N, C-alpha and C. Protein backbone atom coordinates (compact mmCIF):
# COMPACT_ATOMS: atom_id res chain seq x y z
N UNK A 1 -25.32 -37.27 -88.80
CA UNK A 1 -25.12 -36.30 -89.84
C UNK A 1 -25.74 -36.82 -91.12
N UNK A 2 -26.69 -36.08 -91.63
CA UNK A 2 -27.39 -36.48 -92.84
C UNK A 2 -26.59 -36.13 -94.08
N UNK A 3 -27.07 -36.59 -95.19
CA UNK A 3 -26.36 -36.30 -96.44
C UNK A 3 -26.46 -34.83 -96.78
N UNK A 4 -25.32 -34.22 -97.05
CA UNK A 4 -25.30 -32.82 -97.44
C UNK A 4 -25.53 -31.87 -96.30
N UNK A 5 -25.45 -32.33 -95.02
CA UNK A 5 -25.76 -31.44 -93.91
C UNK A 5 -24.71 -30.37 -93.71
N UNK A 6 -23.48 -30.59 -94.08
CA UNK A 6 -22.46 -29.58 -93.87
C UNK A 6 -22.03 -28.88 -95.14
N UNK A 7 -22.62 -29.20 -96.25
CA UNK A 7 -22.21 -28.60 -97.53
C UNK A 7 -22.96 -27.31 -97.77
N UNK A 8 -22.21 -26.26 -98.02
CA UNK A 8 -22.85 -25.00 -98.39
C UNK A 8 -23.00 -24.98 -99.91
N UNK A 9 -23.95 -24.21 -100.45
CA UNK A 9 -24.11 -24.15 -101.90
C UNK A 9 -22.84 -23.69 -102.60
N UNK A 10 -22.11 -22.76 -102.00
CA UNK A 10 -20.89 -22.26 -102.64
C UNK A 10 -19.86 -23.37 -102.73
N UNK A 11 -19.78 -24.18 -101.71
CA UNK A 11 -18.79 -25.25 -101.72
C UNK A 11 -19.17 -26.33 -102.73
N UNK A 12 -20.42 -26.65 -102.83
CA UNK A 12 -20.86 -27.66 -103.79
C UNK A 12 -20.67 -27.20 -105.23
N UNK A 13 -20.85 -25.90 -105.49
CA UNK A 13 -20.79 -25.38 -106.85
C UNK A 13 -19.38 -25.05 -107.30
N UNK A 14 -18.41 -25.08 -106.40
CA UNK A 14 -17.05 -24.72 -106.82
C UNK A 14 -16.40 -25.91 -107.53
N UNK A 15 -15.51 -25.60 -108.44
CA UNK A 15 -14.80 -26.64 -109.16
C UNK A 15 -15.53 -27.05 -110.42
N UNK A 16 -14.94 -27.98 -111.15
CA UNK A 16 -15.56 -28.41 -112.40
C UNK A 16 -16.84 -29.20 -112.16
N UNK A 17 -17.64 -29.27 -113.16
CA UNK A 17 -18.90 -30.01 -113.09
C UNK A 17 -18.60 -31.50 -112.94
N UNK A 18 -19.57 -32.30 -112.55
CA UNK A 18 -19.35 -33.74 -112.41
C UNK A 18 -18.80 -34.33 -113.70
N UNK A 19 -17.93 -35.29 -113.54
CA UNK A 19 -17.31 -35.92 -114.71
C UNK A 19 -16.08 -35.17 -115.19
N UNK A 20 -15.65 -34.13 -114.44
CA UNK A 20 -14.46 -33.38 -114.80
C UNK A 20 -14.66 -32.39 -115.92
N UNK A 21 -15.89 -32.14 -116.30
CA UNK A 21 -16.17 -31.20 -117.39
C UNK A 21 -16.21 -29.78 -116.86
N UNK A 22 -15.84 -28.85 -117.72
CA UNK A 22 -15.91 -27.44 -117.36
C UNK A 22 -17.36 -26.98 -117.41
N UNK A 23 -17.63 -25.93 -116.68
CA UNK A 23 -18.97 -25.36 -116.68
C UNK A 23 -19.25 -24.73 -118.03
N UNK A 24 -20.53 -24.60 -118.42
CA UNK A 24 -20.86 -23.95 -119.68
C UNK A 24 -20.27 -22.55 -119.74
N UNK A 25 -19.74 -22.19 -120.89
CA UNK A 25 -19.15 -20.87 -121.06
C UNK A 25 -17.65 -20.86 -120.82
N UNK A 26 -17.12 -21.92 -120.21
CA UNK A 26 -15.68 -21.99 -120.02
C UNK A 26 -15.08 -22.71 -121.21
N UNK A 27 -14.59 -21.95 -122.18
CA UNK A 27 -13.99 -22.54 -123.36
C UNK A 27 -12.62 -23.10 -123.04
N UNK A 28 -12.08 -23.93 -123.91
CA UNK A 28 -10.76 -24.51 -123.67
C UNK A 28 -9.67 -23.46 -123.55
N UNK A 29 -9.87 -22.30 -124.19
CA UNK A 29 -8.86 -21.25 -124.11
C UNK A 29 -8.81 -20.64 -122.71
N UNK A 30 -9.88 -20.74 -121.96
CA UNK A 30 -9.92 -20.15 -120.63
C UNK A 30 -9.67 -21.16 -119.53
N UNK A 31 -9.96 -22.41 -119.78
CA UNK A 31 -9.85 -23.42 -118.75
C UNK A 31 -9.37 -24.73 -119.37
N UNK A 32 -8.32 -25.27 -118.83
CA UNK A 32 -7.85 -26.55 -119.34
C UNK A 32 -6.92 -26.39 -120.51
N UNK A 33 -6.60 -27.52 -121.14
CA UNK A 33 -5.67 -27.53 -122.26
C UNK A 33 -6.39 -27.29 -123.57
N UNK A 34 -5.66 -26.75 -124.51
CA UNK A 34 -6.22 -26.54 -125.85
C UNK A 34 -6.18 -27.85 -126.63
N UNK A 35 -7.13 -28.00 -127.52
CA UNK A 35 -7.14 -29.19 -128.37
C UNK A 35 -6.10 -29.02 -129.47
N UNK A 36 -5.80 -30.11 -130.15
CA UNK A 36 -4.85 -30.06 -131.26
C UNK A 36 -5.36 -29.14 -132.36
N UNK A 37 -6.65 -29.18 -132.62
CA UNK A 37 -7.23 -28.31 -133.66
C UNK A 37 -7.05 -26.83 -133.29
N UNK A 38 -7.21 -26.50 -132.02
CA UNK A 38 -7.02 -25.11 -131.59
C UNK A 38 -5.56 -24.69 -131.70
N UNK A 39 -4.65 -25.58 -131.35
CA UNK A 39 -3.22 -25.27 -131.49
C UNK A 39 -2.85 -25.11 -132.95
N UNK A 40 -3.39 -25.96 -133.81
CA UNK A 40 -3.12 -25.83 -135.25
C UNK A 40 -3.68 -24.52 -135.79
N UNK A 41 -4.87 -24.15 -135.36
CA UNK A 41 -5.51 -22.92 -135.84
C UNK A 41 -4.69 -21.69 -135.46
N UNK A 42 -4.20 -21.63 -134.23
CA UNK A 42 -3.43 -20.46 -133.82
C UNK A 42 -2.08 -20.44 -134.53
N UNK A 43 -1.49 -21.62 -134.79
CA UNK A 43 -0.22 -21.67 -135.52
C UNK A 43 -0.40 -21.13 -136.93
N UNK A 44 -1.46 -21.54 -137.60
CA UNK A 44 -1.74 -21.06 -138.95
C UNK A 44 -2.04 -19.57 -138.93
N UNK A 45 -2.78 -19.12 -137.94
CA UNK A 45 -3.11 -17.69 -137.85
C UNK A 45 -1.86 -16.85 -137.60
N UNK A 46 -0.94 -17.33 -136.79
CA UNK A 46 0.32 -16.62 -136.55
C UNK A 46 1.12 -16.54 -137.85
N UNK A 47 1.21 -17.65 -138.56
CA UNK A 47 1.92 -17.64 -139.84
C UNK A 47 1.31 -16.68 -140.84
N UNK A 48 -0.03 -16.69 -140.91
CA UNK A 48 -0.72 -15.77 -141.82
C UNK A 48 -0.48 -14.32 -141.41
N UNK A 49 -0.54 -14.04 -140.12
CA UNK A 49 -0.34 -12.67 -139.64
C UNK A 49 1.07 -12.18 -139.97
N UNK A 50 2.07 -13.04 -139.79
CA UNK A 50 3.45 -12.66 -140.10
C UNK A 50 3.64 -12.45 -141.60
N UNK A 51 3.14 -13.37 -142.40
CA UNK A 51 3.28 -13.25 -143.86
C UNK A 51 2.55 -12.01 -144.37
N UNK A 52 1.32 -11.82 -143.91
CA UNK A 52 0.53 -10.67 -144.34
C UNK A 52 1.18 -9.36 -143.91
N UNK A 53 1.71 -9.33 -142.70
CA UNK A 53 2.40 -8.14 -142.22
C UNK A 53 3.64 -7.82 -143.02
N UNK A 54 4.41 -8.87 -143.37
CA UNK A 54 5.62 -8.66 -144.19
C UNK A 54 5.26 -8.17 -145.59
N UNK A 55 4.21 -8.73 -146.15
CA UNK A 55 3.79 -8.31 -147.49
C UNK A 55 3.34 -6.86 -147.48
N UNK A 56 2.52 -6.48 -146.51
CA UNK A 56 2.06 -5.09 -146.42
C UNK A 56 3.24 -4.15 -146.17
N UNK A 57 4.17 -4.56 -145.32
CA UNK A 57 5.35 -3.73 -145.04
C UNK A 57 6.20 -3.56 -146.30
N UNK A 58 6.36 -4.63 -147.08
CA UNK A 58 7.14 -4.53 -148.32
C UNK A 58 6.49 -3.57 -149.31
N UNK A 59 5.16 -3.62 -149.40
CA UNK A 59 4.46 -2.68 -150.30
C UNK A 59 4.67 -1.23 -149.86
N UNK A 60 4.55 -0.98 -148.56
CA UNK A 60 4.73 0.38 -148.05
C UNK A 60 6.17 0.84 -148.26
N UNK A 61 7.13 -0.03 -147.95
CA UNK A 61 8.53 0.34 -148.14
C UNK A 61 8.81 0.64 -149.61
N UNK A 62 8.31 -0.21 -150.50
CA UNK A 62 8.51 0.03 -151.93
C UNK A 62 7.89 1.32 -152.41
N UNK A 63 6.72 1.65 -151.88
CA UNK A 63 6.05 2.88 -152.30
C UNK A 63 6.78 4.12 -151.80
N UNK A 64 7.32 4.05 -150.58
CA UNK A 64 7.97 5.24 -150.01
C UNK A 64 9.44 5.32 -150.44
N UNK A 65 10.18 4.24 -150.29
CA UNK A 65 11.62 4.27 -150.57
C UNK A 65 11.94 3.96 -152.02
N UNK A 66 10.98 3.46 -152.77
CA UNK A 66 11.21 3.10 -154.16
C UNK A 66 11.78 4.22 -155.01
N UNK A 67 11.22 5.40 -154.95
CA UNK A 67 11.78 6.50 -155.75
C UNK A 67 13.25 6.78 -155.44
N UNK A 68 13.65 6.61 -154.19
CA UNK A 68 15.05 6.85 -153.83
C UNK A 68 15.96 5.80 -154.45
N UNK A 69 15.43 4.62 -154.66
CA UNK A 69 16.23 3.54 -155.24
C UNK A 69 16.22 3.58 -156.77
N UNK A 70 15.19 4.17 -157.35
CA UNK A 70 15.07 4.18 -158.81
C UNK A 70 15.62 5.42 -159.48
N UNK A 71 15.51 6.56 -158.80
CA UNK A 71 15.89 7.83 -159.41
C UNK A 71 17.10 8.42 -158.71
N UNK A 72 17.81 9.26 -159.44
CA UNK A 72 18.94 9.98 -158.86
C UNK A 72 18.40 11.21 -158.12
N UNK A 73 18.37 11.12 -156.82
CA UNK A 73 17.87 12.22 -156.00
C UNK A 73 19.00 12.73 -155.11
N UNK A 74 18.84 13.92 -154.57
CA UNK A 74 19.86 14.40 -153.63
C UNK A 74 20.02 13.42 -152.46
N UNK A 75 21.25 13.35 -151.94
CA UNK A 75 21.58 12.36 -150.91
C UNK A 75 20.64 12.46 -149.69
N UNK A 76 20.38 13.66 -149.24
CA UNK A 76 19.50 13.83 -148.06
C UNK A 76 18.08 13.35 -148.33
N UNK A 77 17.58 13.57 -149.51
CA UNK A 77 16.24 13.13 -149.87
C UNK A 77 16.19 11.60 -149.92
N UNK A 78 17.23 10.99 -150.49
CA UNK A 78 17.30 9.52 -150.52
C UNK A 78 17.31 8.95 -149.10
N UNK A 79 18.12 9.55 -148.23
CA UNK A 79 18.19 9.08 -146.85
C UNK A 79 16.83 9.22 -146.16
N UNK A 80 16.18 10.35 -146.37
CA UNK A 80 14.88 10.59 -145.73
C UNK A 80 13.83 9.59 -146.23
N UNK A 81 13.82 9.32 -147.53
CA UNK A 81 12.86 8.37 -148.07
C UNK A 81 13.11 6.95 -147.57
N UNK A 82 14.37 6.53 -147.53
CA UNK A 82 14.69 5.19 -147.05
C UNK A 82 14.36 5.07 -145.57
N UNK A 83 14.72 6.07 -144.77
CA UNK A 83 14.41 6.04 -143.34
C UNK A 83 12.89 6.08 -143.12
N UNK A 84 12.21 6.96 -143.81
CA UNK A 84 10.75 7.04 -143.69
C UNK A 84 10.07 5.75 -144.11
N UNK A 85 10.55 5.17 -145.20
CA UNK A 85 10.00 3.90 -145.65
C UNK A 85 10.22 2.79 -144.65
N UNK A 86 11.39 2.77 -144.04
CA UNK A 86 11.69 1.75 -143.03
C UNK A 86 10.80 1.89 -141.80
N UNK A 87 10.66 3.11 -141.34
CA UNK A 87 9.83 3.34 -140.15
C UNK A 87 8.36 3.01 -140.44
N UNK A 88 7.87 3.46 -141.57
CA UNK A 88 6.48 3.16 -141.93
C UNK A 88 6.26 1.67 -142.15
N UNK A 89 7.22 1.00 -142.78
CA UNK A 89 7.09 -0.43 -143.02
C UNK A 89 7.05 -1.20 -141.71
N UNK A 90 7.91 -0.84 -140.77
CA UNK A 90 7.90 -1.51 -139.46
C UNK A 90 6.59 -1.26 -138.72
N UNK A 91 6.07 -0.05 -138.83
CA UNK A 91 4.80 0.28 -138.18
C UNK A 91 3.64 -0.50 -138.81
N UNK A 92 3.62 -0.55 -140.13
CA UNK A 92 2.56 -1.29 -140.83
C UNK A 92 2.62 -2.77 -140.48
N UNK A 93 3.83 -3.34 -140.44
CA UNK A 93 3.98 -4.75 -140.07
C UNK A 93 3.41 -5.00 -138.68
N UNK A 94 3.81 -4.20 -137.71
CA UNK A 94 3.36 -4.40 -136.33
C UNK A 94 1.84 -4.24 -136.22
N UNK A 95 1.29 -3.22 -136.86
CA UNK A 95 -0.16 -3.00 -136.78
C UNK A 95 -0.94 -4.12 -137.47
N UNK A 96 -0.48 -4.55 -138.62
CA UNK A 96 -1.20 -5.61 -139.37
C UNK A 96 -1.18 -6.93 -138.60
N UNK A 97 0.00 -7.34 -138.14
CA UNK A 97 0.10 -8.60 -137.42
C UNK A 97 -0.70 -8.56 -136.12
N UNK A 98 -0.60 -7.46 -135.39
CA UNK A 98 -1.34 -7.32 -134.12
C UNK A 98 -2.83 -7.34 -134.37
N UNK A 99 -3.28 -6.62 -135.38
CA UNK A 99 -4.72 -6.58 -135.68
C UNK A 99 -5.26 -7.97 -136.01
N UNK A 100 -4.55 -8.70 -136.84
CA UNK A 100 -5.01 -10.04 -137.22
C UNK A 100 -5.06 -10.99 -136.03
N UNK A 101 -4.05 -10.94 -135.18
CA UNK A 101 -4.03 -11.85 -134.04
C UNK A 101 -5.09 -11.47 -133.01
N UNK A 102 -5.30 -10.17 -132.77
CA UNK A 102 -6.37 -9.77 -131.85
C UNK A 102 -7.72 -10.19 -132.39
N UNK A 103 -7.92 -10.00 -133.69
CA UNK A 103 -9.20 -10.39 -134.29
C UNK A 103 -9.43 -11.89 -134.15
N UNK A 104 -8.37 -12.69 -134.33
CA UNK A 104 -8.50 -14.14 -134.20
C UNK A 104 -8.84 -14.52 -132.76
N UNK A 105 -8.17 -13.90 -131.80
CA UNK A 105 -8.39 -14.27 -130.40
C UNK A 105 -9.74 -13.78 -129.87
N UNK A 106 -10.31 -12.74 -130.47
CA UNK A 106 -11.58 -12.20 -129.99
C UNK A 106 -12.79 -12.75 -130.73
N UNK A 107 -12.56 -13.68 -131.67
CA UNK A 107 -13.69 -14.22 -132.43
C UNK A 107 -14.56 -15.06 -131.50
N UNK A 108 -15.83 -15.18 -131.82
CA UNK A 108 -16.69 -16.05 -131.00
C UNK A 108 -16.22 -17.49 -131.07
N UNK A 109 -16.34 -18.20 -129.96
CA UNK A 109 -15.85 -19.58 -129.93
C UNK A 109 -16.75 -20.52 -130.71
N UNK A 110 -17.97 -20.09 -131.03
CA UNK A 110 -18.90 -20.95 -131.77
C UNK A 110 -19.06 -20.50 -133.21
N UNK A 111 -17.97 -20.00 -133.82
CA UNK A 111 -18.08 -19.50 -135.19
C UNK A 111 -18.00 -20.60 -136.24
N UNK A 112 -17.90 -21.84 -135.79
CA UNK A 112 -17.89 -22.95 -136.73
C UNK A 112 -16.52 -23.24 -137.30
N UNK A 113 -15.51 -22.46 -136.92
CA UNK A 113 -14.17 -22.67 -137.46
C UNK A 113 -13.47 -23.86 -136.84
N UNK A 114 -13.81 -24.22 -135.63
CA UNK A 114 -13.12 -25.35 -134.98
C UNK A 114 -14.12 -26.39 -134.55
C-alpha cells in the first residue's frame, strides 16, 4: 500500500488545516473559541445597546407621557398618554437594542475593529 492510496480527496480535506488552524473564511465566531478581544467587544456593544435603548425609550416616554404628568388633563387622557408612552417606549427600546446588536454581529470581520 503506497502513501495516500486509500485517501479520498474529501477525506483529506475534511477537518481543520494542518497545525490545527481553521480554513480561510472560518472566523472565530463561526469556529472555535472567541478571543478575549472579541468577548470584550461584544460585552461593550451589549452595554451600549442597552444604554442607548434606555435613553431613546426615556425620550419617547417623556415626549408622549410628559404632557399627562405636567398638565391637568382629564383622567382618561392621562391614562391613554401614559399607556401609549409606555408601549412606545418599550417598542423603541427593543427596536434600538436589537438593531444595534444585529448591526454589530453582521459587520465584516476585517473592519479593523478587532
